């Protein structure tokens, strides 16, 4: 995993990542107007699947994508997810003028 760091330091960072991820998800669910009792159910499910050992695989996924994958039991599908960036096409002013004629 990380070479040169003591095991205790790695565990501390993983615990902090887990807590930060929970706070981000709590804010996302609150923003989506999810009732508190449903949030509690969600975090029970979260605690069952996500631990300090596997938080690094899911930490950098968007909240929307992660919540959907967790609820629909598709965490394995987003484990190695990398979003596709659309290629931006630059059009010069001259070609715009030619096409407008």
N, C-alpha and C. Protein backbone atom coordinates (compact mmCIF):
# COMPACT_ATOMS: atom_id res chain seq x y z
N UNK A 1 0.84 -1.18 0.00
CA UNK A 1 0.00 0.00 0.00
C UNK A 1 0.89 1.25 0.00
N UNK A 2 1.16 1.85 1.12
CA UNK A 2 1.99 3.04 1.20
C UNK A 2 3.30 2.64 1.87
N UNK A 3 4.37 2.82 1.18
CA UNK A 3 5.67 2.41 1.68
C UNK A 3 6.25 3.53 2.54
N UNK A 4 6.80 3.16 3.68
CA UNK A 4 7.49 4.13 4.51
C UNK A 4 6.68 4.70 5.65
N UNK A 5 5.40 4.49 5.67
CA UNK A 5 4.58 4.99 6.76
C UNK A 5 4.26 3.87 7.74
N UNK A 6 4.25 4.18 9.03
CA UNK A 6 3.88 3.15 10.00
C UNK A 6 2.41 2.76 9.85
N UNK A 7 2.11 1.55 10.24
CA UNK A 7 0.75 1.01 10.11
C UNK A 7 -0.27 1.87 10.86
N UNK A 8 0.12 2.38 12.02
CA UNK A 8 -0.79 3.18 12.83
C UNK A 8 -1.17 4.49 12.11
N UNK A 9 -0.23 5.09 11.41
CA UNK A 9 -0.51 6.32 10.67
C UNK A 9 -1.48 6.04 9.52
N UNK A 10 -1.30 4.91 8.85
CA UNK A 10 -2.19 4.54 7.76
C UNK A 10 -3.60 4.29 8.28
N UNK A 11 -3.72 3.62 9.41
CA UNK A 11 -5.04 3.37 10.00
C UNK A 11 -5.72 4.68 10.40
N UNK A 12 -4.95 5.62 10.92
CA UNK A 12 -5.50 6.92 11.31
C UNK A 12 -6.05 7.66 10.09
N UNK A 13 -5.29 7.65 9.00
CA UNK A 13 -5.73 8.33 7.77
C UNK A 13 -6.99 7.66 7.22
N UNK A 14 -7.02 6.34 7.23
CA UNK A 14 -8.20 5.62 6.74
C UNK A 14 -9.43 5.94 7.58
N UNK A 15 -9.25 6.05 8.89
CA UNK A 15 -10.37 6.39 9.78
C UNK A 15 -10.87 7.81 9.47
N UNK A 16 -9.94 8.74 9.25
CA UNK A 16 -10.33 10.11 8.92
C UNK A 16 -11.05 10.17 7.57
N UNK A 17 -10.58 9.38 6.60
CA UNK A 17 -11.26 9.32 5.30
C UNK A 17 -12.68 8.81 5.44
N UNK A 18 -12.85 7.79 6.27
CA UNK A 18 -14.18 7.22 6.49
C UNK A 18 -15.11 8.25 7.12
N UNK A 19 -14.64 8.96 8.12
CA UNK A 19 -15.47 9.97 8.78
C UNK A 19 -15.80 11.12 7.83
N UNK A 20 -14.83 11.54 7.04
CA UNK A 20 -15.06 12.63 6.08
C UNK A 20 -16.08 12.20 5.02
N UNK A 21 -15.95 10.96 4.56
CA UNK A 21 -16.88 10.44 3.56
C UNK A 21 -18.30 10.40 4.12
N UNK A 22 -18.44 10.01 5.37
CA UNK A 22 -19.77 9.99 6.00
C UNK A 22 -20.35 11.39 6.08
N UNK A 23 -19.53 12.37 6.41
CA UNK A 23 -20.02 13.75 6.51
C UNK A 23 -20.47 14.28 5.14
N UNK A 24 -19.72 13.95 4.11
CA UNK A 24 -20.10 14.37 2.75
C UNK A 24 -21.42 13.73 2.35
N UNK A 25 -21.56 12.45 2.62
CA UNK A 25 -22.80 11.77 2.27
C UNK A 25 -23.98 12.27 3.10
N UNK A 26 -23.74 12.56 4.36
CA UNK A 26 -24.81 13.10 5.21
C UNK A 26 -25.28 14.44 4.66
N UNK A 27 -24.35 15.29 4.25
CA UNK A 27 -24.72 16.58 3.67
C UNK A 27 -25.48 16.38 2.35
N UNK A 28 -25.04 15.42 1.54
CA UNK A 28 -25.72 15.14 0.27
C UNK A 28 -27.15 14.66 0.51
N UNK A 29 -27.33 13.75 1.45
CA UNK A 29 -28.67 13.22 1.73
C UNK A 29 -29.57 14.30 2.33
N UNK A 30 -29.01 15.15 3.16
CA UNK A 30 -29.79 16.25 3.73
C UNK A 30 -30.18 17.23 2.64
N UNK A 31 -29.28 17.49 1.72
CA UNK A 31 -29.57 18.38 0.60
C UNK A 31 -30.69 17.82 -0.28
N UNK A 32 -30.77 16.51 -0.37
CA UNK A 32 -31.81 15.84 -1.14
C UNK A 32 -33.10 15.67 -0.34
N UNK A 33 -33.19 16.27 0.82
CA UNK A 33 -34.37 16.24 1.69
C UNK A 33 -34.77 14.83 2.13
N UNK A 34 -33.78 14.00 2.39
CA UNK A 34 -34.06 12.66 2.89
C UNK A 34 -34.31 12.74 4.39
N UNK A 35 -35.39 12.14 4.85
CA UNK A 35 -35.73 12.20 6.27
C UNK A 35 -34.67 11.51 7.11
N UNK A 36 -34.59 11.92 8.37
CA UNK A 36 -33.57 11.41 9.27
C UNK A 36 -33.65 9.89 9.45
N UNK A 37 -34.84 9.36 9.54
CA UNK A 37 -34.97 7.91 9.74
C UNK A 37 -34.46 7.13 8.52
N UNK A 38 -34.63 7.70 7.33
CA UNK A 38 -34.12 7.05 6.12
C UNK A 38 -32.59 7.19 6.04
N UNK A 39 -32.08 8.32 6.53
CA UNK A 39 -30.63 8.49 6.59
C UNK A 39 -30.01 7.45 7.53
N UNK A 40 -30.68 7.20 8.65
CA UNK A 40 -30.17 6.19 9.59
C UNK A 40 -30.13 4.82 8.94
N UNK A 41 -31.16 4.48 8.16
CA UNK A 41 -31.17 3.20 7.44
C UNK A 41 -30.03 3.15 6.43
N UNK A 42 -29.83 4.26 5.73
CA UNK A 42 -28.76 4.31 4.75
C UNK A 42 -27.41 4.09 5.41
N UNK A 43 -27.17 4.74 6.54
CA UNK A 43 -25.86 4.61 7.19
C UNK A 43 -25.68 3.25 7.87
N UNK A 44 -26.75 2.56 8.18
CA UNK A 44 -26.61 1.17 8.63
C UNK A 44 -26.10 0.31 7.48
N UNK A 45 -26.67 0.54 6.31
CA UNK A 45 -26.22 -0.17 5.11
C UNK A 45 -24.77 0.22 4.78
N UNK A 46 -24.46 1.49 4.91
CA UNK A 46 -23.11 2.00 4.65
C UNK A 46 -22.09 1.32 5.58
N UNK A 47 -22.41 1.27 6.87
CA UNK A 47 -21.49 0.67 7.84
C UNK A 47 -21.30 -0.82 7.60
N UNK A 48 -22.28 -1.46 7.02
CA UNK A 48 -22.17 -2.88 6.73
C UNK A 48 -21.18 -3.14 5.59
N UNK A 49 -21.22 -2.28 4.56
CA UNK A 49 -20.40 -2.50 3.37
C UNK A 49 -19.06 -1.76 3.36
N UNK A 50 -19.02 -0.57 3.94
CA UNK A 50 -17.82 0.26 3.85
C UNK A 50 -17.09 0.26 5.18
N UNK A 51 -15.81 -0.07 5.12
CA UNK A 51 -14.97 -0.10 6.33
C UNK A 51 -13.71 0.71 6.07
N UNK A 52 -12.87 0.79 7.08
CA UNK A 52 -11.60 1.50 6.92
C UNK A 52 -10.69 0.77 5.94
N UNK A 53 -10.91 -0.51 5.75
CA UNK A 53 -10.07 -1.28 4.84
C UNK A 53 -10.39 -1.03 3.37
N UNK A 54 -11.65 -0.69 3.06
CA UNK A 54 -12.00 -0.52 1.65
C UNK A 54 -12.46 0.90 1.30
N UNK A 55 -12.32 1.86 2.20
CA UNK A 55 -12.79 3.22 1.93
C UNK A 55 -12.03 3.86 0.78
N UNK A 56 -10.77 3.53 0.60
CA UNK A 56 -9.97 4.15 -0.47
C UNK A 56 -10.50 3.79 -1.86
N UNK A 57 -11.17 2.67 -2.00
CA UNK A 57 -11.70 2.27 -3.30
C UNK A 57 -12.91 3.10 -3.71
N UNK A 58 -13.60 3.70 -2.74
CA UNK A 58 -14.84 4.41 -3.03
C UNK A 58 -14.80 5.89 -2.68
N UNK A 59 -13.74 6.36 -2.06
CA UNK A 59 -13.71 7.72 -1.53
C UNK A 59 -13.85 8.79 -2.61
N UNK A 60 -13.24 8.60 -3.75
CA UNK A 60 -13.21 9.65 -4.77
C UNK A 60 -14.34 9.55 -5.78
N UNK A 61 -15.36 8.77 -5.50
CA UNK A 61 -16.54 8.70 -6.37
C UNK A 61 -17.51 9.82 -5.97
N UNK A 62 -18.29 10.29 -6.91
CA UNK A 62 -19.25 11.34 -6.59
C UNK A 62 -20.31 10.79 -5.63
N UNK A 63 -20.87 11.67 -4.83
CA UNK A 63 -21.85 11.25 -3.82
C UNK A 63 -23.07 10.63 -4.48
N UNK A 64 -23.52 11.23 -5.55
CA UNK A 64 -24.71 10.72 -6.25
C UNK A 64 -24.48 9.31 -6.77
N UNK A 65 -23.34 9.10 -7.41
CA UNK A 65 -23.00 7.79 -7.95
C UNK A 65 -22.83 6.76 -6.83
N UNK A 66 -22.17 7.15 -5.76
CA UNK A 66 -21.92 6.23 -4.66
C UNK A 66 -23.22 5.81 -3.98
N UNK A 67 -24.10 6.78 -3.71
CA UNK A 67 -25.37 6.47 -3.05
C UNK A 67 -26.20 5.52 -3.92
N UNK A 68 -26.26 5.80 -5.20
CA UNK A 68 -27.02 4.93 -6.10
C UNK A 68 -26.44 3.52 -6.12
N UNK A 69 -25.12 3.42 -6.19
CA UNK A 69 -24.48 2.10 -6.24
C UNK A 69 -24.68 1.33 -4.94
N UNK A 70 -24.61 2.01 -3.81
CA UNK A 70 -24.78 1.34 -2.52
C UNK A 70 -26.20 0.84 -2.35
N UNK A 71 -27.17 1.66 -2.69
CA UNK A 71 -28.57 1.29 -2.51
C UNK A 71 -28.98 0.16 -3.46
N UNK A 72 -28.43 0.17 -4.66
CA UNK A 72 -28.79 -0.85 -5.64
C UNK A 72 -27.84 -2.04 -5.64
N UNK A 73 -26.94 -2.09 -4.67
CA UNK A 73 -26.01 -3.20 -4.49
C UNK A 73 -25.09 -3.37 -5.71
N UNK A 74 -24.54 -2.25 -6.20
CA UNK A 74 -23.64 -2.27 -7.35
C UNK A 74 -22.29 -1.64 -7.03
N UNK A 75 -21.82 -1.79 -5.82
CA UNK A 75 -20.55 -1.18 -5.45
C UNK A 75 -19.39 -1.73 -6.27
N UNK A 76 -19.48 -3.00 -6.66
CA UNK A 76 -18.41 -3.58 -7.45
C UNK A 76 -18.28 -2.91 -8.81
N UNK A 77 -19.38 -2.38 -9.33
CA UNK A 77 -19.35 -1.73 -10.63
C UNK A 77 -18.64 -0.39 -10.61
N UNK A 78 -18.66 0.31 -9.48
CA UNK A 78 -18.03 1.63 -9.42
C UNK A 78 -16.67 1.59 -8.76
N UNK A 79 -16.22 0.44 -8.38
CA UNK A 79 -14.93 0.33 -7.70
C UNK A 79 -13.80 0.90 -8.55
N UNK A 80 -13.79 0.62 -9.82
CA UNK A 80 -12.76 1.11 -10.72
C UNK A 80 -13.32 2.11 -11.72
N UNK A 81 -14.34 2.83 -11.35
CA UNK A 81 -15.04 3.75 -12.23
C UNK A 81 -14.18 4.98 -12.51
N UNK A 82 -14.04 5.33 -13.77
CA UNK A 82 -13.37 6.55 -14.19
C UNK A 82 -14.29 7.24 -15.18
N UNK A 83 -14.75 8.46 -14.88
CA UNK A 83 -15.67 9.12 -15.81
C UNK A 83 -14.98 9.47 -17.12
N UNK A 84 -15.73 9.38 -18.19
CA UNK A 84 -15.20 9.70 -19.52
C UNK A 84 -15.36 11.20 -19.75
N UNK A 85 -14.26 11.83 -20.09
CA UNK A 85 -14.30 13.27 -20.36
C UNK A 85 -14.59 13.46 -21.84
N UNK A 86 -15.55 14.32 -22.11
CA UNK A 86 -15.89 14.59 -23.51
C UNK A 86 -14.82 15.49 -24.13
N UNK A 87 -14.47 15.17 -25.35
CA UNK A 87 -13.45 15.95 -26.04
C UNK A 87 -14.05 17.27 -26.51
N UNK A 88 -13.37 18.35 -26.16
CA UNK A 88 -13.84 19.67 -26.51
C UNK A 88 -13.35 20.01 -27.92
N UNK A 89 -14.27 20.42 -28.77
CA UNK A 89 -13.92 20.76 -30.15
C UNK A 89 -13.87 22.28 -30.26
N UNK A 90 -12.72 22.79 -30.62
CA UNK A 90 -12.56 24.23 -30.79
C UNK A 90 -12.84 24.59 -32.25
N UNK A 91 -13.68 25.58 -32.43
CA UNK A 91 -14.02 26.04 -33.77
C UNK A 91 -13.51 27.46 -33.91
N UNK A 92 -12.76 27.71 -34.95
CA UNK A 92 -12.20 29.04 -35.15
C UNK A 92 -13.28 30.01 -35.62
N UNK A 93 -13.00 31.29 -35.47
CA UNK A 93 -13.96 32.32 -35.89
C UNK A 93 -14.17 32.30 -37.40
N UNK A 94 -13.10 32.02 -38.13
CA UNK A 94 -13.21 32.02 -39.58
C UNK A 94 -14.14 30.94 -40.08
N UNK A 95 -14.06 29.77 -39.48
CA UNK A 95 -14.96 28.70 -39.92
C UNK A 95 -16.40 28.99 -39.53
N UNK A 96 -16.60 29.69 -38.43
CA UNK A 96 -17.96 30.08 -38.04
C UNK A 96 -18.53 31.06 -39.07
N UNK A 97 -17.68 31.97 -39.53
CA UNK A 97 -18.14 32.94 -40.52
C UNK A 97 -18.47 32.25 -41.83
N UNK A 98 -17.64 31.29 -42.26
CA UNK A 98 -17.89 30.56 -43.49
C UNK A 98 -19.18 29.76 -43.41
N UNK A 99 -19.43 29.15 -42.26
CA UNK A 99 -20.64 28.33 -42.10
C UNK A 99 -21.89 29.17 -42.00
N UNK A 100 -21.75 30.44 -41.57
CA UNK A 100 -22.91 31.31 -41.40
C UNK A 100 -23.39 31.87 -42.74
N UNK A 101 -22.57 31.86 -43.76
CA UNK A 101 -22.94 32.43 -45.07
C UNK A 101 -23.96 31.64 -45.77
